[in-house]
Amino acid sequence: MNDDWLRPLGKTGLTVSAVCAGGSGIGGMPQVFGYDTPAERGIATAARVLAGPIAFLDTSNGYSGGESERRIGAAVAQAGGLPDGFVLATKVDRDASGDFSGARVRRSLEESLERLGLDRVPLLYLHDPEHISFDEGMAAGGPVEELLRIRDEGLAEHLGVAGGPVALMDRYLGTGAFEVLLTHNRYTLLDRSADALLTGAVERGVAVVNAACFGGGILAKGAAATGKYAYREAHPEVLAAVRGMEDACARHGVPLAAAALQFSMRDERISSTVVGFSRPERVDEVVRQATMDIPPALWPELERLLPTPDHWLEGSTA
């Protein structure tokens, strides 16, 4: 691997790989991805991640009703524990009734630790806080207060916030409670909604983890395979941009997926880029994409094809 493969995760003191393995597909989420992952393959995928060179794995209490964590926990048990230096992150989620109280946050972590077979985690995120108001999130007895208590108890070494809406994520970073930001679908070859958010995070000393660099698959499979960006129908201008990017990559002999991945990896503000896995062989495929040479002349060509801000997920916030 190159010298830039292992990176500091902001000021946490943790070291992570430039690619983070996303655990949503390990559990199987057919309602999101359109396909399921058999349990045996999910466990094998997690085991392959634990074998390296990827040293960062992200999951969540809510992925597949906890099945992602159960399968990862099985792989960790098979390996005899987490490898030295490996960073496993999970997230606290609201329950099926929508409860996102402090008590629910505590239960969410307890469920996660039991499934993973761990007594603590290096990194714990508040997940999708857009489902409650900011005031509810910060209220006495609410989720953020409970997360801080969990950190103080040593059950989570570091706290992060993971979600979509840019303005809301910025408000949570402004509280000073979080050391890591996970943003998704908003900083890709097709969308720069989170550009100012990334800069603001780094200025605050907050590490950035960028997820969904393929926009839900279109920047890995191409416009002929799917017409969706971020799991919603893409505007014709966005589809035209993807086709143009495919052509530009083909002229330079570069897979579109490699360009989409390295677009995120080459940004100095981003500590790690999350890529979802649901089969073991995908790990080696992504590592090849992450490390292949890309001609410098390709980047300005791709930049010229960027859709206009009104076709970003949150163009008005950029």
C-alpha atoms as a PDB file:
ATOM      1  CA  MET A   1       0.000   0.000   0.000  1.00  0.00           C
ATOM      2  CA  ASN A   2       1.099   3.582  -0.531  1.00  0.00           C
ATOM      3  CA  ASP A   3       2.292   5.849   2.270  1.00  0.00           C
ATOM      4  CA  ASP A   4      -1.090   7.610   2.463  1.00  0.00           C
ATOM      5  CA  TRP A   5      -3.147   4.460   3.114  1.00  0.00           C
ATOM      6  CA  LEU A   6      -3.150   4.845   6.901  1.00  0.00           C
ATOM      7  CA  ARG A   7      -4.232   8.259   8.160  1.00  0.00           C
ATOM      8  CA  PRO A   8      -4.968   9.978  11.463  1.00  0.00           C
ATOM      9  CA  LEU A   9      -8.669  10.311  12.220  1.00  0.00           C
ATOM     10  CA  GLY A  10      -8.565  13.975  13.063  1.00  0.00           C
ATOM     11  CA  LYS A  11      -7.521  14.603  16.642  1.00  0.00           C
ATOM     12  CA  THR A  12      -8.953  11.359  18.053  1.00  0.00           C
ATOM     13  CA  GLY A  13      -5.589   9.612  18.176  1.00  0.00           C
ATOM     14  CA  LEU A  14      -7.054   6.781  16.092  1.00  0.00           C
ATOM     15  CA  THR A  15      -5.437   5.696  12.828  1.00  0.00           C
ATOM     16  CA  VAL A  16      -7.719   4.533  10.008  1.00  0.00           C
ATOM     17  CA  SER A  17      -7.309   3.307   6.461  1.00  0.00           C
ATOM     18  CA  ALA A  18      -8.136   5.611   3.553  1.00  0.00           C
ATOM     19  CA  VAL A  19     -11.040   3.286   2.741  1.00  0.00           C
ATOM     20  CA  CYS A  20     -13.589   2.322   5.387  1.00  0.00           C
ATOM     21  CA  ALA A  21     -15.673  -0.812   4.893  1.00  0.00           C
ATOM     22  CA  GLY A  22     -19.371   0.008   5.091  1.00  0.00           C
ATOM     23  CA  GLY A  23     -21.372  -2.650   6.907  1.00  0.00           C
ATOM     24  CA  SER A  24     -24.898  -1.963   5.655  1.00  0.00           C
ATOM     25  CA  GLY A  25     -24.687  -4.532   2.858  1.00  0.00           C
ATOM     26  CA  ILE A  26     -23.090  -7.125   5.140  1.00  0.00           C
ATOM     27  CA  GLY A  27     -26.435  -7.502   6.879  1.00  0.00           C
ATOM     28  CA  GLY A  28     -28.482  -7.403   3.705  1.00  0.00           C
ATOM     29  CA  MET A  29     -30.761  -4.419   3.014  1.00  0.00           C
ATOM     30  CA  PRO A  30     -32.855  -5.409  -0.027  1.00  0.00           C
ATOM     31  CA  GLN A  31     -35.288  -2.545   0.514  1.00  0.00           C
ATOM     32  CA  VAL A  32     -32.397  -0.127  -0.100  1.00  0.00           C
ATOM     33  CA  PHE A  33     -30.015  -1.961  -2.402  1.00  0.00           C
ATOM     34  CA  GLY A  34     -32.408  -4.211  -4.314  1.00  0.00           C
ATOM     35  CA  TYR A  35     -30.601  -7.414  -3.335  1.00  0.00           C
ATOM     36  CA  ASP A  36     -30.073  -9.458  -0.202  1.00  0.00           C
ATOM     37  CA  THR A  37     -26.890 -10.854   1.367  1.00  0.00           C
ATOM     38  CA  PRO A  38     -26.999 -14.415   2.697  1.00  0.00           C
ATOM     39  CA  ALA A  39     -25.753 -14.733   6.265  1.00  0.00           C
ATOM     40  CA  GLU A  40     -22.787 -16.949   5.375  1.00  0.00           C
ATOM     41  CA  ARG A  41     -21.604 -14.491   2.728  1.00  0.00           C
ATOM     42  CA  GLY A  42     -22.068 -11.544   5.062  1.00  0.00           C
ATOM     43  CA  ILE A  43     -19.904 -13.163   7.723  1.00  0.00           C
ATOM     44  CA  ALA A  44     -17.288 -14.097   5.113  1.00  0.00           C
ATOM     45  CA  THR A  45     -17.247 -10.504   3.873  1.00  0.00           C
ATOM     46  CA  ALA A  46     -16.676  -9.144   7.365  1.00  0.00           C
ATOM     47  CA  ALA A  47     -13.937 -11.739   7.920  1.00  0.00           C
ATOM     48  CA  ARG A  48     -12.223 -10.652   4.706  1.00  0.00           C
ATOM     49  CA  VAL A  49     -12.284  -7.020   5.856  1.00  0.00           C
ATOM     50  CA  LEU A  50     -10.763  -7.950   9.215  1.00  0.00           C
ATOM     51  CA  ALA A  51      -7.898  -9.694   7.390  1.00  0.00           C
ATOM     52  CA  GLY A  52      -6.721  -6.337   5.941  1.00  0.00           C
ATOM     53  CA  PRO A  53      -5.510  -4.074   4.440  1.00  0.00           C
ATOM     54  CA  ILE A  54      -8.667  -2.119   5.280  1.00  0.00           C
ATOM     55  CA  ALA A  55      -8.459  -1.251   8.979  1.00  0.00           C
ATOM     56  CA  PHE A  56     -11.750   0.605   9.500  1.00  0.00           C
ATOM     57  CA  LEU A  57     -15.269  -0.878   9.546  1.00  0.00           C
ATOM     58  CA  ASP A  58     -18.513   1.053   9.929  1.00  0.00           C
ATOM     59  CA  THR A  59     -21.877  -0.403  10.912  1.00  0.00           C
ATOM     60  CA  SER A  60     -25.006   0.618  12.819  1.00  0.00           C
ATOM     61  CA  ASN A  61     -27.536  -0.695  15.302  1.00  0.00           C
ATOM     62  CA  GLY A  62     -30.295  -0.162  12.771  1.00  0.00           C
ATOM     63  CA  TYR A  63     -28.753  -1.874   9.749  1.00  0.00           C
ATOM     64  CA  SER A  64     -30.950  -4.852   8.842  1.00  0.00           C
ATOM     65  CA  GLY A  65     -32.514  -4.930  12.282  1.00  0.00           C
ATOM     66  CA  GLY A  66     -29.135  -5.584  13.856  1.00  0.00           C
ATOM     67  CA  GLU A  67     -28.134  -8.332  11.403  1.00  0.00           C
ATOM     68  CA  SER A  68     -25.105  -6.389  10.161  1.00  0.00           C
ATOM     69  CA  GLU A  69     -23.729  -6.209  13.701  1.00  0.00           C
ATOM     70  CA  ARG A  70     -24.531  -9.869  14.386  1.00  0.00           C
ATOM     71  CA  ARG A  71     -22.593 -10.996  11.305  1.00  0.00           C
ATOM     72  CA  ILE A  72     -19.677  -8.709  12.048  1.00  0.00           C
ATOM     73  CA  GLY A  73     -19.670 -10.009  15.611  1.00  0.00           C
ATOM     74  CA  ALA A  74     -19.508 -13.580  14.292  1.00  0.00           C
ATOM     75  CA  ALA A  75     -16.510 -12.667  12.135  1.00  0.00           C
ATOM     76  CA  VAL A  76     -14.792 -10.939  15.056  1.00  0.00           C
ATOM     77  CA  ALA A  77     -15.323 -14.041  17.181  1.00  0.00           C
ATOM     78  CA  GLN A  78     -13.895 -16.264  14.427  1.00  0.00           C
ATOM     79  CA  ALA A  79     -10.835 -14.009  14.266  1.00  0.00           C
ATOM     80  CA  GLY A  80     -10.329 -14.196  18.016  1.00  0.00           C
ATOM     81  CA  GLY A  81     -11.107 -10.512  18.465  1.00  0.00           C
ATOM     82  CA  LEU A  82     -10.435  -7.301  16.600  1.00  0.00           C
ATOM     83  CA  PRO A  83      -6.971  -7.089  14.997  1.00  0.00           C
ATOM     84  CA  ASP A  84      -4.543  -4.720  16.682  1.00  0.00           C
ATOM     85  CA  GLY A  85      -5.198  -1.169  15.580  1.00  0.00           C
ATOM     86  CA  PHE A  86      -8.457  -2.014  13.810  1.00  0.00           C
ATOM     87  CA  VAL A  87     -11.162   0.641  14.278  1.00  0.00           C
ATOM     88  CA  LEU A  88     -14.749  -0.603  14.467  1.00  0.00           C
ATOM     89  CA  ALA A  89     -17.426   2.073  14.510  1.00  0.00           C
ATOM     90  CA  THR A  90     -21.132   1.674  15.091  1.00  0.00           C
ATOM     91  CA  LYS A  91     -24.047   4.041  15.518  1.00  0.00           C
ATOM     92  CA  VAL A  92     -26.902   4.550  17.945  1.00  0.00           C
ATOM     93  CA  ASP A  93     -30.321   4.511  16.287  1.00  0.00           C
ATOM     94  CA  ARG A  94     -33.895   5.279  17.224  1.00  0.00           C
ATOM     95  CA  ASP A  95     -36.139   2.255  17.724  1.00  0.00           C
ATOM     96  CA  ALA A  96     -39.058   1.080  15.578  1.00  0.00           C
ATOM     97  CA  SER A  97     -41.449   3.398  17.415  1.00  0.00           C
ATOM     98  CA  GLY A  98     -39.272   6.417  16.648  1.00  0.00           C
ATOM     99  CA  ASP A  99     -37.969   6.772  20.197  1.00  0.00           C
ATOM    100  CA  PHE A 100     -34.607   8.561  20.181  1.00  0.00           C
ATOM    101  CA  SER A 101     -34.428   9.457  23.855  1.00  0.00           C
ATOM    102  CA  GLY A 102     -31.355   9.184  26.022  1.00  0.00           C
ATOM    103  CA  ALA A 103     -32.692   5.897  27.383  1.00  0.00           C
ATOM    104  CA  ARG A 104     -33.045   4.581  23.843  1.00  0.00           C
ATOM    105  CA  VAL A 105     -29.446   5.610  23.047  1.00  0.00           C
ATOM    106  CA  ARG A 106     -28.263   3.573  26.023  1.00  0.00           C
ATOM    107  CA  ARG A 107     -30.275   0.523  24.895  1.00  0.00           C
ATOM    108  CA  SER A 108     -29.033   0.936  21.340  1.00  0.00           C
ATOM    109  CA  LEU A 109     -25.413   0.755  22.457  1.00  0.00           C
ATOM    110  CA  GLU A 110     -26.090  -2.198  24.751  1.00  0.00           C
ATOM    111  CA  GLU A 111     -27.704  -4.092  21.864  1.00  0.00           C
ATOM    112  CA  SER A 112     -24.748  -3.287  19.610  1.00  0.00           C
ATOM    113  CA  LEU A 113     -22.121  -4.395  22.106  1.00  0.00           C
ATOM    114  CA  GLU A 114     -23.939  -7.699  22.659  1.00  0.00           C
ATOM    115  CA  ARG A 115     -24.177  -8.390  18.916  1.00  0.00           C
ATOM    116  CA  LEU A 116     -20.576  -7.411  18.259  1.00  0.00           C
ATOM    117  CA  GLY A 117     -19.258  -9.343  21.242  1.00  0.00           C
ATOM    118  CA  LEU A 118     -17.401  -6.294  22.543  1.00  0.00           C
ATOM    119  CA  ASP A 119     -17.373  -4.394  25.808  1.00  0.00           C
ATOM    120  CA  ARG A 120     -16.593  -1.017  24.196  1.00  0.00           C
ATOM    121  CA  VAL A 121     -16.165   0.573  20.765  1.00  0.00           C
ATOM    122  CA  PRO A 122     -13.505   2.991  19.514  1.00  0.00           C
ATOM    123  CA  LEU A 123     -16.041   5.226  17.747  1.00  0.00           C
ATOM    124  CA  LEU A 124     -19.781   5.693  18.275  1.00  0.00           C
ATOM    125  CA  TYR A 125     -21.963   7.895  16.077  1.00  0.00           C
ATOM    126  CA  LEU A 126     -25.275   9.613  16.643  1.00  0.00           C
ATOM    127  CA  HIS A 127     -27.083   8.324  13.558  1.00  0.00           C
ATOM    128  CA  ASP A 128     -29.543  10.261  11.403  1.00  0.00           C
ATOM    129  CA  PRO A 129     -30.534  12.901  13.969  1.00  0.00           C
ATOM    130  CA  GLU A 130     -32.647  14.540  11.249  1.00  0.00           C
ATOM    131  CA  HIS A 131     -35.508  12.337  12.496  1.00  0.00           C
ATOM    132  CA  ILE A 132     -35.822  14.541  15.571  1.00  0.00           C
ATOM    133  CA  SER A 133     -35.432  18.271  16.081  1.00  0.00           C
ATOM    134  CA  PHE A 134     -32.085  19.740  17.078  1.00  0.00           C
ATOM    135  CA  ASP A 135     -33.601  20.906  20.346  1.00  0.00           C
ATOM    136  CA  GLU A 136     -34.748  17.358  21.104  1.00  0.00           C
ATOM    137  CA  GLY A 137     -31.291  16.064  20.278  1.00  0.00           C
ATOM    138  CA  MET A 138     -29.630  18.467  22.690  1.00  0.00           C
ATOM    139  CA  ALA A 139     -32.266  18.421  25.458  1.00  0.00           C
ATOM    140  CA  ALA A 140     -31.551  17.347  29.017  1.00  0.00           C
ATOM    141  CA  GLY A 141     -31.926  13.572  29.128  1.00  0.00           C
ATOM    142  CA  GLY A 142     -31.692  13.450  25.338  1.00  0.00           C
ATOM    143  CA  PRO A 143     -29.429  11.515  22.981  1.00  0.00           C
ATOM    144  CA  VAL A 144     -26.385  13.810  22.976  1.00  0.00           C
ATOM    145  CA  GLU A 145     -26.293  14.083  26.755  1.00  0.00           C
ATOM    146  CA  GLU A 146     -26.448  10.282  27.002  1.00  0.00           C
ATOM    147  CA  LEU A 147     -23.693   9.861  24.405  1.00  0.00           C
ATOM    148  CA  LEU A 148     -21.430  12.126  26.430  1.00  0.00           C
ATOM    149  CA  ARG A 149     -22.164  10.021  29.506  1.00  0.00           C
ATOM    150  CA  ILE A 150     -21.370   6.852  27.538  1.00  0.00           C
ATOM    151  CA  ARG A 151     -18.048   8.343  26.468  1.00  0.00           C
ATOM    152  CA  ASP A 152     -17.218   9.394  30.003  1.00  0.00           C
ATOM    153  CA  GLU A 153     -17.931   5.830  31.172  1.00  0.00           C
ATOM    154  CA  GLY A 154     -15.424   4.503  28.641  1.00  0.00           C
ATOM    155  CA  LEU A 155     -17.946   2.488  26.614  1.00  0.00           C
ATOM    156  CA  ALA A 156     -17.073   4.543  23.545  1.00  0.00           C
ATOM    157  CA  GLU A 157     -13.684   6.182  23.138  1.00  0.00           C
ATOM    158  CA  HIS A 158     -14.829   8.853  20.679  1.00  0.00           C
ATOM    159  CA  LEU A 159     -18.119  10.301  19.442  1.00  0.00           C
ATOM    160  CA  GLY A 160     -19.241  11.228  15.955  1.00  0.00           C
ATOM    161  CA  VAL A 161     -22.376  12.409  14.213  1.00  0.00           C
ATOM    162  CA  ALA A 162     -23.553  10.748  10.995  1.00  0.00           C
ATOM    163  CA  GLY A 163     -26.335  12.080   8.830  1.00  0.00           C
ATOM    164  CA  GLY A 164     -27.490  13.868   5.735  1.00  0.00           C
ATOM    165  CA  PRO A 165     -28.779  17.447   6.032  1.00  0.00           C
ATOM    166  CA  VAL A 166     -25.802  19.766   5.822  1.00  0.00           C
ATOM    167  CA  ALA A 167     -27.120  22.606   7.971  1.00  0.00           C
ATOM    168  CA  LEU A 168     -28.172  20.226  10.739  1.00  0.00           C
ATOM    169  CA  MET A 169     -24.820  18.431  10.740  1.00  0.00           C
ATOM    170  CA  ASP A 170     -23.108  21.809  11.052  1.00  0.00           C
ATOM    171  CA  ARG A 171     -25.260  22.674  14.078  1.00  0.00           C
ATOM    172  CA  TYR A 172     -24.255  19.456  15.805  1.00  0.00           C
ATOM    173  CA  LEU A 173     -20.583  20.087  15.077  1.00  0.00           C
ATOM    174  CA  GLY A 174     -21.003  23.521  16.619  1.00  0.00           C
ATOM    175  CA  THR A 175     -21.870  21.957  19.993  1.00  0.00           C
ATOM    176  CA  GLY A 176     -18.302  20.686  20.413  1.00  0.00           C
ATOM    177  CA  ALA A 177     -19.602  17.241  21.434  1.00  0.00           C
ATOM    178  CA  PHE A 178     -18.334  15.393  18.363  1.00  0.00           C
ATOM    179  CA  GLU A 179     -14.871  14.548  17.089  1.00  0.00           C
ATOM    180  CA  VAL A 180     -15.915  12.915  13.811  1.00  0.00           C
ATOM    181  CA  LEU A 181     -18.403  13.821  11.064  1.00  0.00           C
ATOM    182  CA  LEU A 182     -19.804  11.218   8.680  1.00  0.00           C
ATOM    183  CA  THR A 183     -21.560  12.731   5.668  1.00  0.00           C
ATOM    184  CA  HIS A 184     -23.080  10.794   2.781  1.00  0.00           C
ATOM    185  CA  ASN A 185     -23.986  11.356  -0.876  1.00  0.00           C
ATOM    186  CA  ARG A 186     -23.162  15.055  -0.575  1.00  0.00           C
ATOM    187  CA  TYR A 187     -19.533  15.117  -1.676  1.00  0.00           C
ATOM    188  CA  THR A 188     -19.066  13.132  -4.874  1.00  0.00           C
ATOM    189  CA  LEU A 189     -18.210  13.615  -8.535  1.00  0.00           C
ATOM    190  CA  LEU A 190     -21.847  14.682  -8.995  1.00  0.00           C
ATOM    191  CA  ASP A 191     -22.645  16.671  -5.846  1.00  0.00           C
ATOM    192  CA  ARG A 192     -20.749  19.168  -3.670  1.00  0.00           C
ATOM    193  CA  SER A 193     -23.490  20.047  -1.194  1.00  0.00           C
ATOM    194  CA  ALA A 194     -21.196  19.268   1.752  1.00  0.00           C
ATOM    195  CA  ASP A 195     -18.161  21.202   0.513  1.00  0.00           C
ATOM    196  CA  ALA A 196     -18.452  24.047   3.035  1.00  0.00           C
ATOM    197  CA  LEU A 197     -19.410  21.566   5.769  1.00  0.00           C
ATOM    198  CA  LEU A 198     -16.170  19.643   5.215  1.00  0.00           C
ATOM    199  CA  THR A 199     -14.120  22.821   5.455  1.00  0.00           C
ATOM    200  CA  GLY A 200     -15.946  23.915   8.593  1.00  0.00           C
ATOM    201  CA  ALA A 201     -15.435  20.522  10.211  1.00  0.00           C
ATOM    202  CA  VAL A 202     -11.689  20.564   9.618  1.00  0.00           C
ATOM    203  CA  GLU A 203     -11.452  24.145  10.909  1.00  0.00           C
ATOM    204  CA  ARG A 204     -13.112  22.932  14.128  1.00  0.00           C
ATOM    205  CA  GLY A 205     -10.666  20.048  14.405  1.00  0.00           C
ATOM    206  CA  VAL A 206     -13.341  17.478  13.510  1.00  0.00           C
ATOM    207  CA  ALA A 207     -12.370  14.498  11.346  1.00  0.00           C
ATOM    208  CA  VAL A 208     -14.374  13.858   8.170  1.00  0.00           C
ATOM    209  CA  VAL A 209     -15.530  10.457   6.958  1.00  0.00           C
ATOM    210  CA  ASN A 210     -17.179  10.592   3.530  1.00  0.00           C
ATOM    211  CA  ALA A 211     -19.729   7.914   2.638  1.00  0.00           C
ATOM    212  CA  ALA A 212     -21.572   6.938  -0.538  1.00  0.00           C
ATOM    213  CA  CYS A 213     -18.949   8.204  -2.980  1.00  0.00           C
ATOM    214  CA  PHE A 214     -20.748   6.133  -5.649  1.00  0.00           C
ATOM    215  CA  GLY A 215     -24.043   7.934  -5.000  1.00  0.00           C
ATOM    216  CA  GLY A 216     -25.902   4.701  -4.363  1.00  0.00           C
ATOM    217  CA  GLY A 217     -24.279   2.853  -7.261  1.00  0.00           C
ATOM    218  CA  ILE A 218     -24.547   5.039 -10.353  1.00  0.00           C
ATOM    219  CA  LEU A 219     -20.896   6.138 -10.121  1.00  0.00           C
ATOM    220  CA  ALA A 220     -19.817   2.506  -9.883  1.00  0.00           C
ATOM    221  CA  LYS A 221     -22.150   0.883 -12.402  1.00  0.00           C
ATOM    222  CA  GLY A 222     -22.857   3.745 -14.812  1.00  0.00           C
ATOM    223  CA  ALA A 223     -26.007   5.403 -16.137  1.00  0.00           C
ATOM    224  CA  ALA A 224     -27.036   2.381 -18.207  1.00  0.00           C
ATOM    225  CA  ALA A 225     -27.309   0.251 -15.063  1.00  0.00           C
ATOM    226  CA  THR A 226     -29.315   2.634 -12.896  1.00  0.00           C
ATOM    227  CA  GLY A 227     -31.103   5.946 -13.230  1.00  0.00           C
ATOM    228  CA  LYS A 228     -30.926   6.772  -9.520  1.00  0.00           C
ATOM    229  CA  TYR A 229     -28.608   8.964  -7.484  1.00  0.00           C
ATOM    230  CA  ALA A 230     -28.752   8.608  -3.697  1.00  0.00           C
ATOM    231  CA  TYR A 231     -31.620   6.102  -4.105  1.00  0.00           C
ATOM    232  CA  ARG A 232     -33.885   8.574  -5.881  1.00  0.00           C
ATOM    233  CA  GLU A 233     -34.536   9.212  -9.565  1.00  0.00           C
ATOM    234  CA  ALA A 234     -31.743  11.335 -11.006  1.00  0.00           C
ATOM    235  CA  HIS A 235     -32.401  14.476 -13.054  1.00  0.00           C
ATOM    236  CA  PRO A 236     -31.591  14.206 -16.774  1.00  0.00           C
ATOM    237  CA  GLU A 237     -28.698  16.644 -16.287  1.00  0.00           C
ATOM    238  CA  VAL A 238     -27.211  14.330 -13.675  1.00  0.00           C
ATOM    239  CA  LEU A 239     -27.586  11.305 -15.952  1.00  0.00           C
ATOM    240  CA  ALA A 240     -25.955  13.232 -18.792  1.00  0.00           C
ATOM    241  CA  ALA A 241     -23.067  14.118 -16.479  1.00  0.00           C
ATOM    242  CA  VAL A 242     -22.585  10.467 -15.566  1.00  0.00           C
ATOM    243  CA  ARG A 243     -22.486   9.457 -19.219  1.00  0.00           C
ATOM    244  CA  GLY A 244     -19.968  12.201 -19.924  1.00  0.00           C
ATOM    245  CA  MET A 245     -17.830  11.050 -17.012  1.00  0.00           C
ATOM    246  CA  GLU A 246     -17.986   7.473 -18.238  1.00  0.00           C
ATOM    247  CA  ASP A 247     -16.721   8.616 -21.649  1.00  0.00           C
ATOM    248  CA  ALA A 248     -13.926  10.694 -20.134  1.00  0.00           C
ATOM    249  CA  CYS A 249     -12.804   7.820 -17.909  1.00  0.00           C
ATOM    250  CA  ALA A 250     -12.856   5.429 -20.871  1.00  0.00           C
ATOM    251  CA  ARG A 251     -10.594   7.751 -22.888  1.00  0.00           C
ATOM    252  CA  HIS A 252      -8.081   7.690 -20.030  1.00  0.00           C
ATOM    253  CA  GLY A 253      -8.405   3.958 -19.400  1.00  0.00           C
ATOM    254  CA  VAL A 254      -9.798   4.447 -15.886  1.00  0.00           C
ATOM    255  CA  PRO A 255     -12.889   2.735 -14.426  1.00  0.00           C
ATOM    256  CA  LEU A 256     -15.533   5.265 -13.419  1.00  0.00           C
ATOM    257  CA  ALA A 257     -15.688   3.630  -9.980  1.00  0.00           C
ATOM    258  CA  ALA A 258     -11.956   4.204  -9.429  1.00  0.00           C
ATOM    259  CA  ALA A 259     -12.329   7.885 -10.298  1.00  0.00           C
ATOM    260  CA  ALA A 260     -15.352   8.256  -8.000  1.00  0.00           C
ATOM    261  CA  LEU A 261     -13.502   6.621  -5.119  1.00  0.00           C
ATOM    262  CA  GLN A 262     -10.246   8.495  -5.571  1.00  0.00           C
ATOM    263  CA  PHE A 263     -12.083  11.809  -5.979  1.00  0.00           C
ATOM    264  CA  SER A 264     -12.969  11.460  -2.295  1.00  0.00           C
ATOM    265  CA  MET A 265      -9.690   9.888  -1.199  1.00  0.00           C
ATOM    266  CA  ARG A 266      -7.533  12.637  -2.726  1.00  0.00           C
ATOM    267  CA  ASP A 267      -9.305  15.403  -0.784  1.00  0.00           C
ATOM    268  CA  GLU A 268      -7.047  16.312   2.137  1.00  0.00           C
ATOM    269  CA  ARG A 269     -10.038  17.193   4.327  1.00  0.00           C
ATOM    270  CA  ILE A 270     -11.315  13.600   4.245  1.00  0.00           C
ATOM    271  CA  SER A 271      -9.745  11.033   6.564  1.00  0.00           C
ATOM    272  CA  SER A 272     -11.541   7.991   5.160  1.00  0.00           C
ATOM    273  CA  THR A 273     -14.066   7.115   2.456  1.00  0.00           C
ATOM    274  CA  VAL A 274     -16.785   4.558   3.210  1.00  0.00           C
ATOM    275  CA  VAL A 275     -17.486   1.903   0.581  1.00  0.00           C
ATOM    276  CA  GLY A 276     -20.154  -0.715   1.165  1.00  0.00           C
ATOM    277  CA  PHE A 277     -19.334  -4.418   0.889  1.00  0.00           C
ATOM    278  CA  SER A 278     -21.595  -7.445   0.572  1.00  0.00           C
ATOM    279  CA  ARG A 279     -19.204 -10.058  -0.854  1.00  0.00           C
ATOM    280  CA  PRO A 280     -15.596 -10.910   0.072  1.00  0.00           C
ATOM    281  CA  GLU A 281     -14.083 -10.448  -3.392  1.00  0.00           C
ATOM    282  CA  ARG A 282     -15.322  -6.862  -3.457  1.00  0.00           C
ATOM    283  CA  VAL A 283     -12.693  -5.963  -0.845  1.00  0.00           C
ATOM    284  CA  ASP A 284      -9.798  -6.731  -3.185  1.00  0.00           C
ATOM    285  CA  GLU A 285     -11.600  -5.036  -6.067  1.00  0.00           C
ATOM    286  CA  VAL A 286     -11.997  -1.792  -4.131  1.00  0.00           C
ATOM    287  CA  VAL A 287      -8.398  -1.853  -2.903  1.00  0.00           C
ATOM    288  CA  ARG A 288      -7.292  -2.106  -6.557  1.00  0.00           C
ATOM    289  CA  GLN A 289      -9.538   0.837  -7.483  1.00  0.00           C
ATOM    290  CA  ALA A 290      -8.180   2.845  -4.581  1.00  0.00           C
ATOM    291  CA  THR A 291      -4.546   2.325  -5.540  1.00  0.00           C
ATOM    292  CA  MET A 292      -4.554   2.394  -9.345  1.00  0.00           C
ATOM    293  CA  ASP A 293      -2.852   5.275 -11.143  1.00  0.00           C
ATOM    294  CA  ILE A 294      -5.191   7.941 -12.528  1.00  0.00           C
ATOM    295  CA  PRO A 295      -3.843  10.436 -15.077  1.00  0.00           C
ATOM    296  CA  PRO A 296      -3.926  13.964 -13.613  1.00  0.00           C
ATOM    297  CA  ALA A 297      -5.545  15.243 -16.828  1.00  0.00           C
ATOM    298  CA  LEU A 298      -8.745  13.327 -16.028  1.00  0.00           C
ATOM    299  CA  TRP A 299      -9.661  15.401 -12.969  1.00  0.00           C
ATOM    300  CA  PRO A 300     -10.313  18.740 -14.728  1.00  0.00           C
ATOM    301  CA  GLU A 301     -12.368  16.915 -17.365  1.00  0.00           C
ATOM    302  CA  LEU A 302     -14.575  15.416 -14.677  1.00  0.00           C
ATOM    303  CA  GLU A 303     -14.846  18.749 -12.878  1.00  0.00           C
ATOM    304  CA  ARG A 304     -16.206  20.411 -16.016  1.00  0.00           C
ATOM    305  CA  LEU A 305     -19.000  17.831 -16.091  1.00  0.00           C
ATOM    306  CA  LEU A 306     -20.204  18.561 -12.539  1.00  0.00           C
ATOM    307  CA  PRO A 307     -23.986  19.209 -12.578  1.00  0.00           C
ATOM    308  CA  THR A 308     -25.169  22.676 -11.623  1.00  0.00           C
ATOM    309  CA  PRO A 309     -25.911  23.231  -7.899  1.00  0.00           C
ATOM    310  CA  ASP A 310     -29.681  23.174  -8.393  1.00  0.00           C
ATOM    311  CA  HIS A 311     -29.328  19.463  -9.181  1.00  0.00           C
ATOM    312  CA  TRP A 312     -27.301  18.652  -6.070  1.00  0.00           C
ATOM    313  CA  LEU A 313     -29.082  17.176  -3.066  1.00  0.00           C
ATOM    314  CA  GLU A 314     -28.665  20.464  -1.219  1.00  0.00           C
ATOM    315  CA  GLY A 315     -27.285  22.888  -3.725  1.00  0.00           C
ATOM    316  CA  SER A 316     -28.581  25.917  -1.878  1.00  0.00           C
ATOM    317  CA  THR A 317     -26.458  25.072   1.181  1.00  0.00           C
ATOM    318  CA  ALA A 318     -23.123  24.804  -0.642  1.00  0.00           C
END
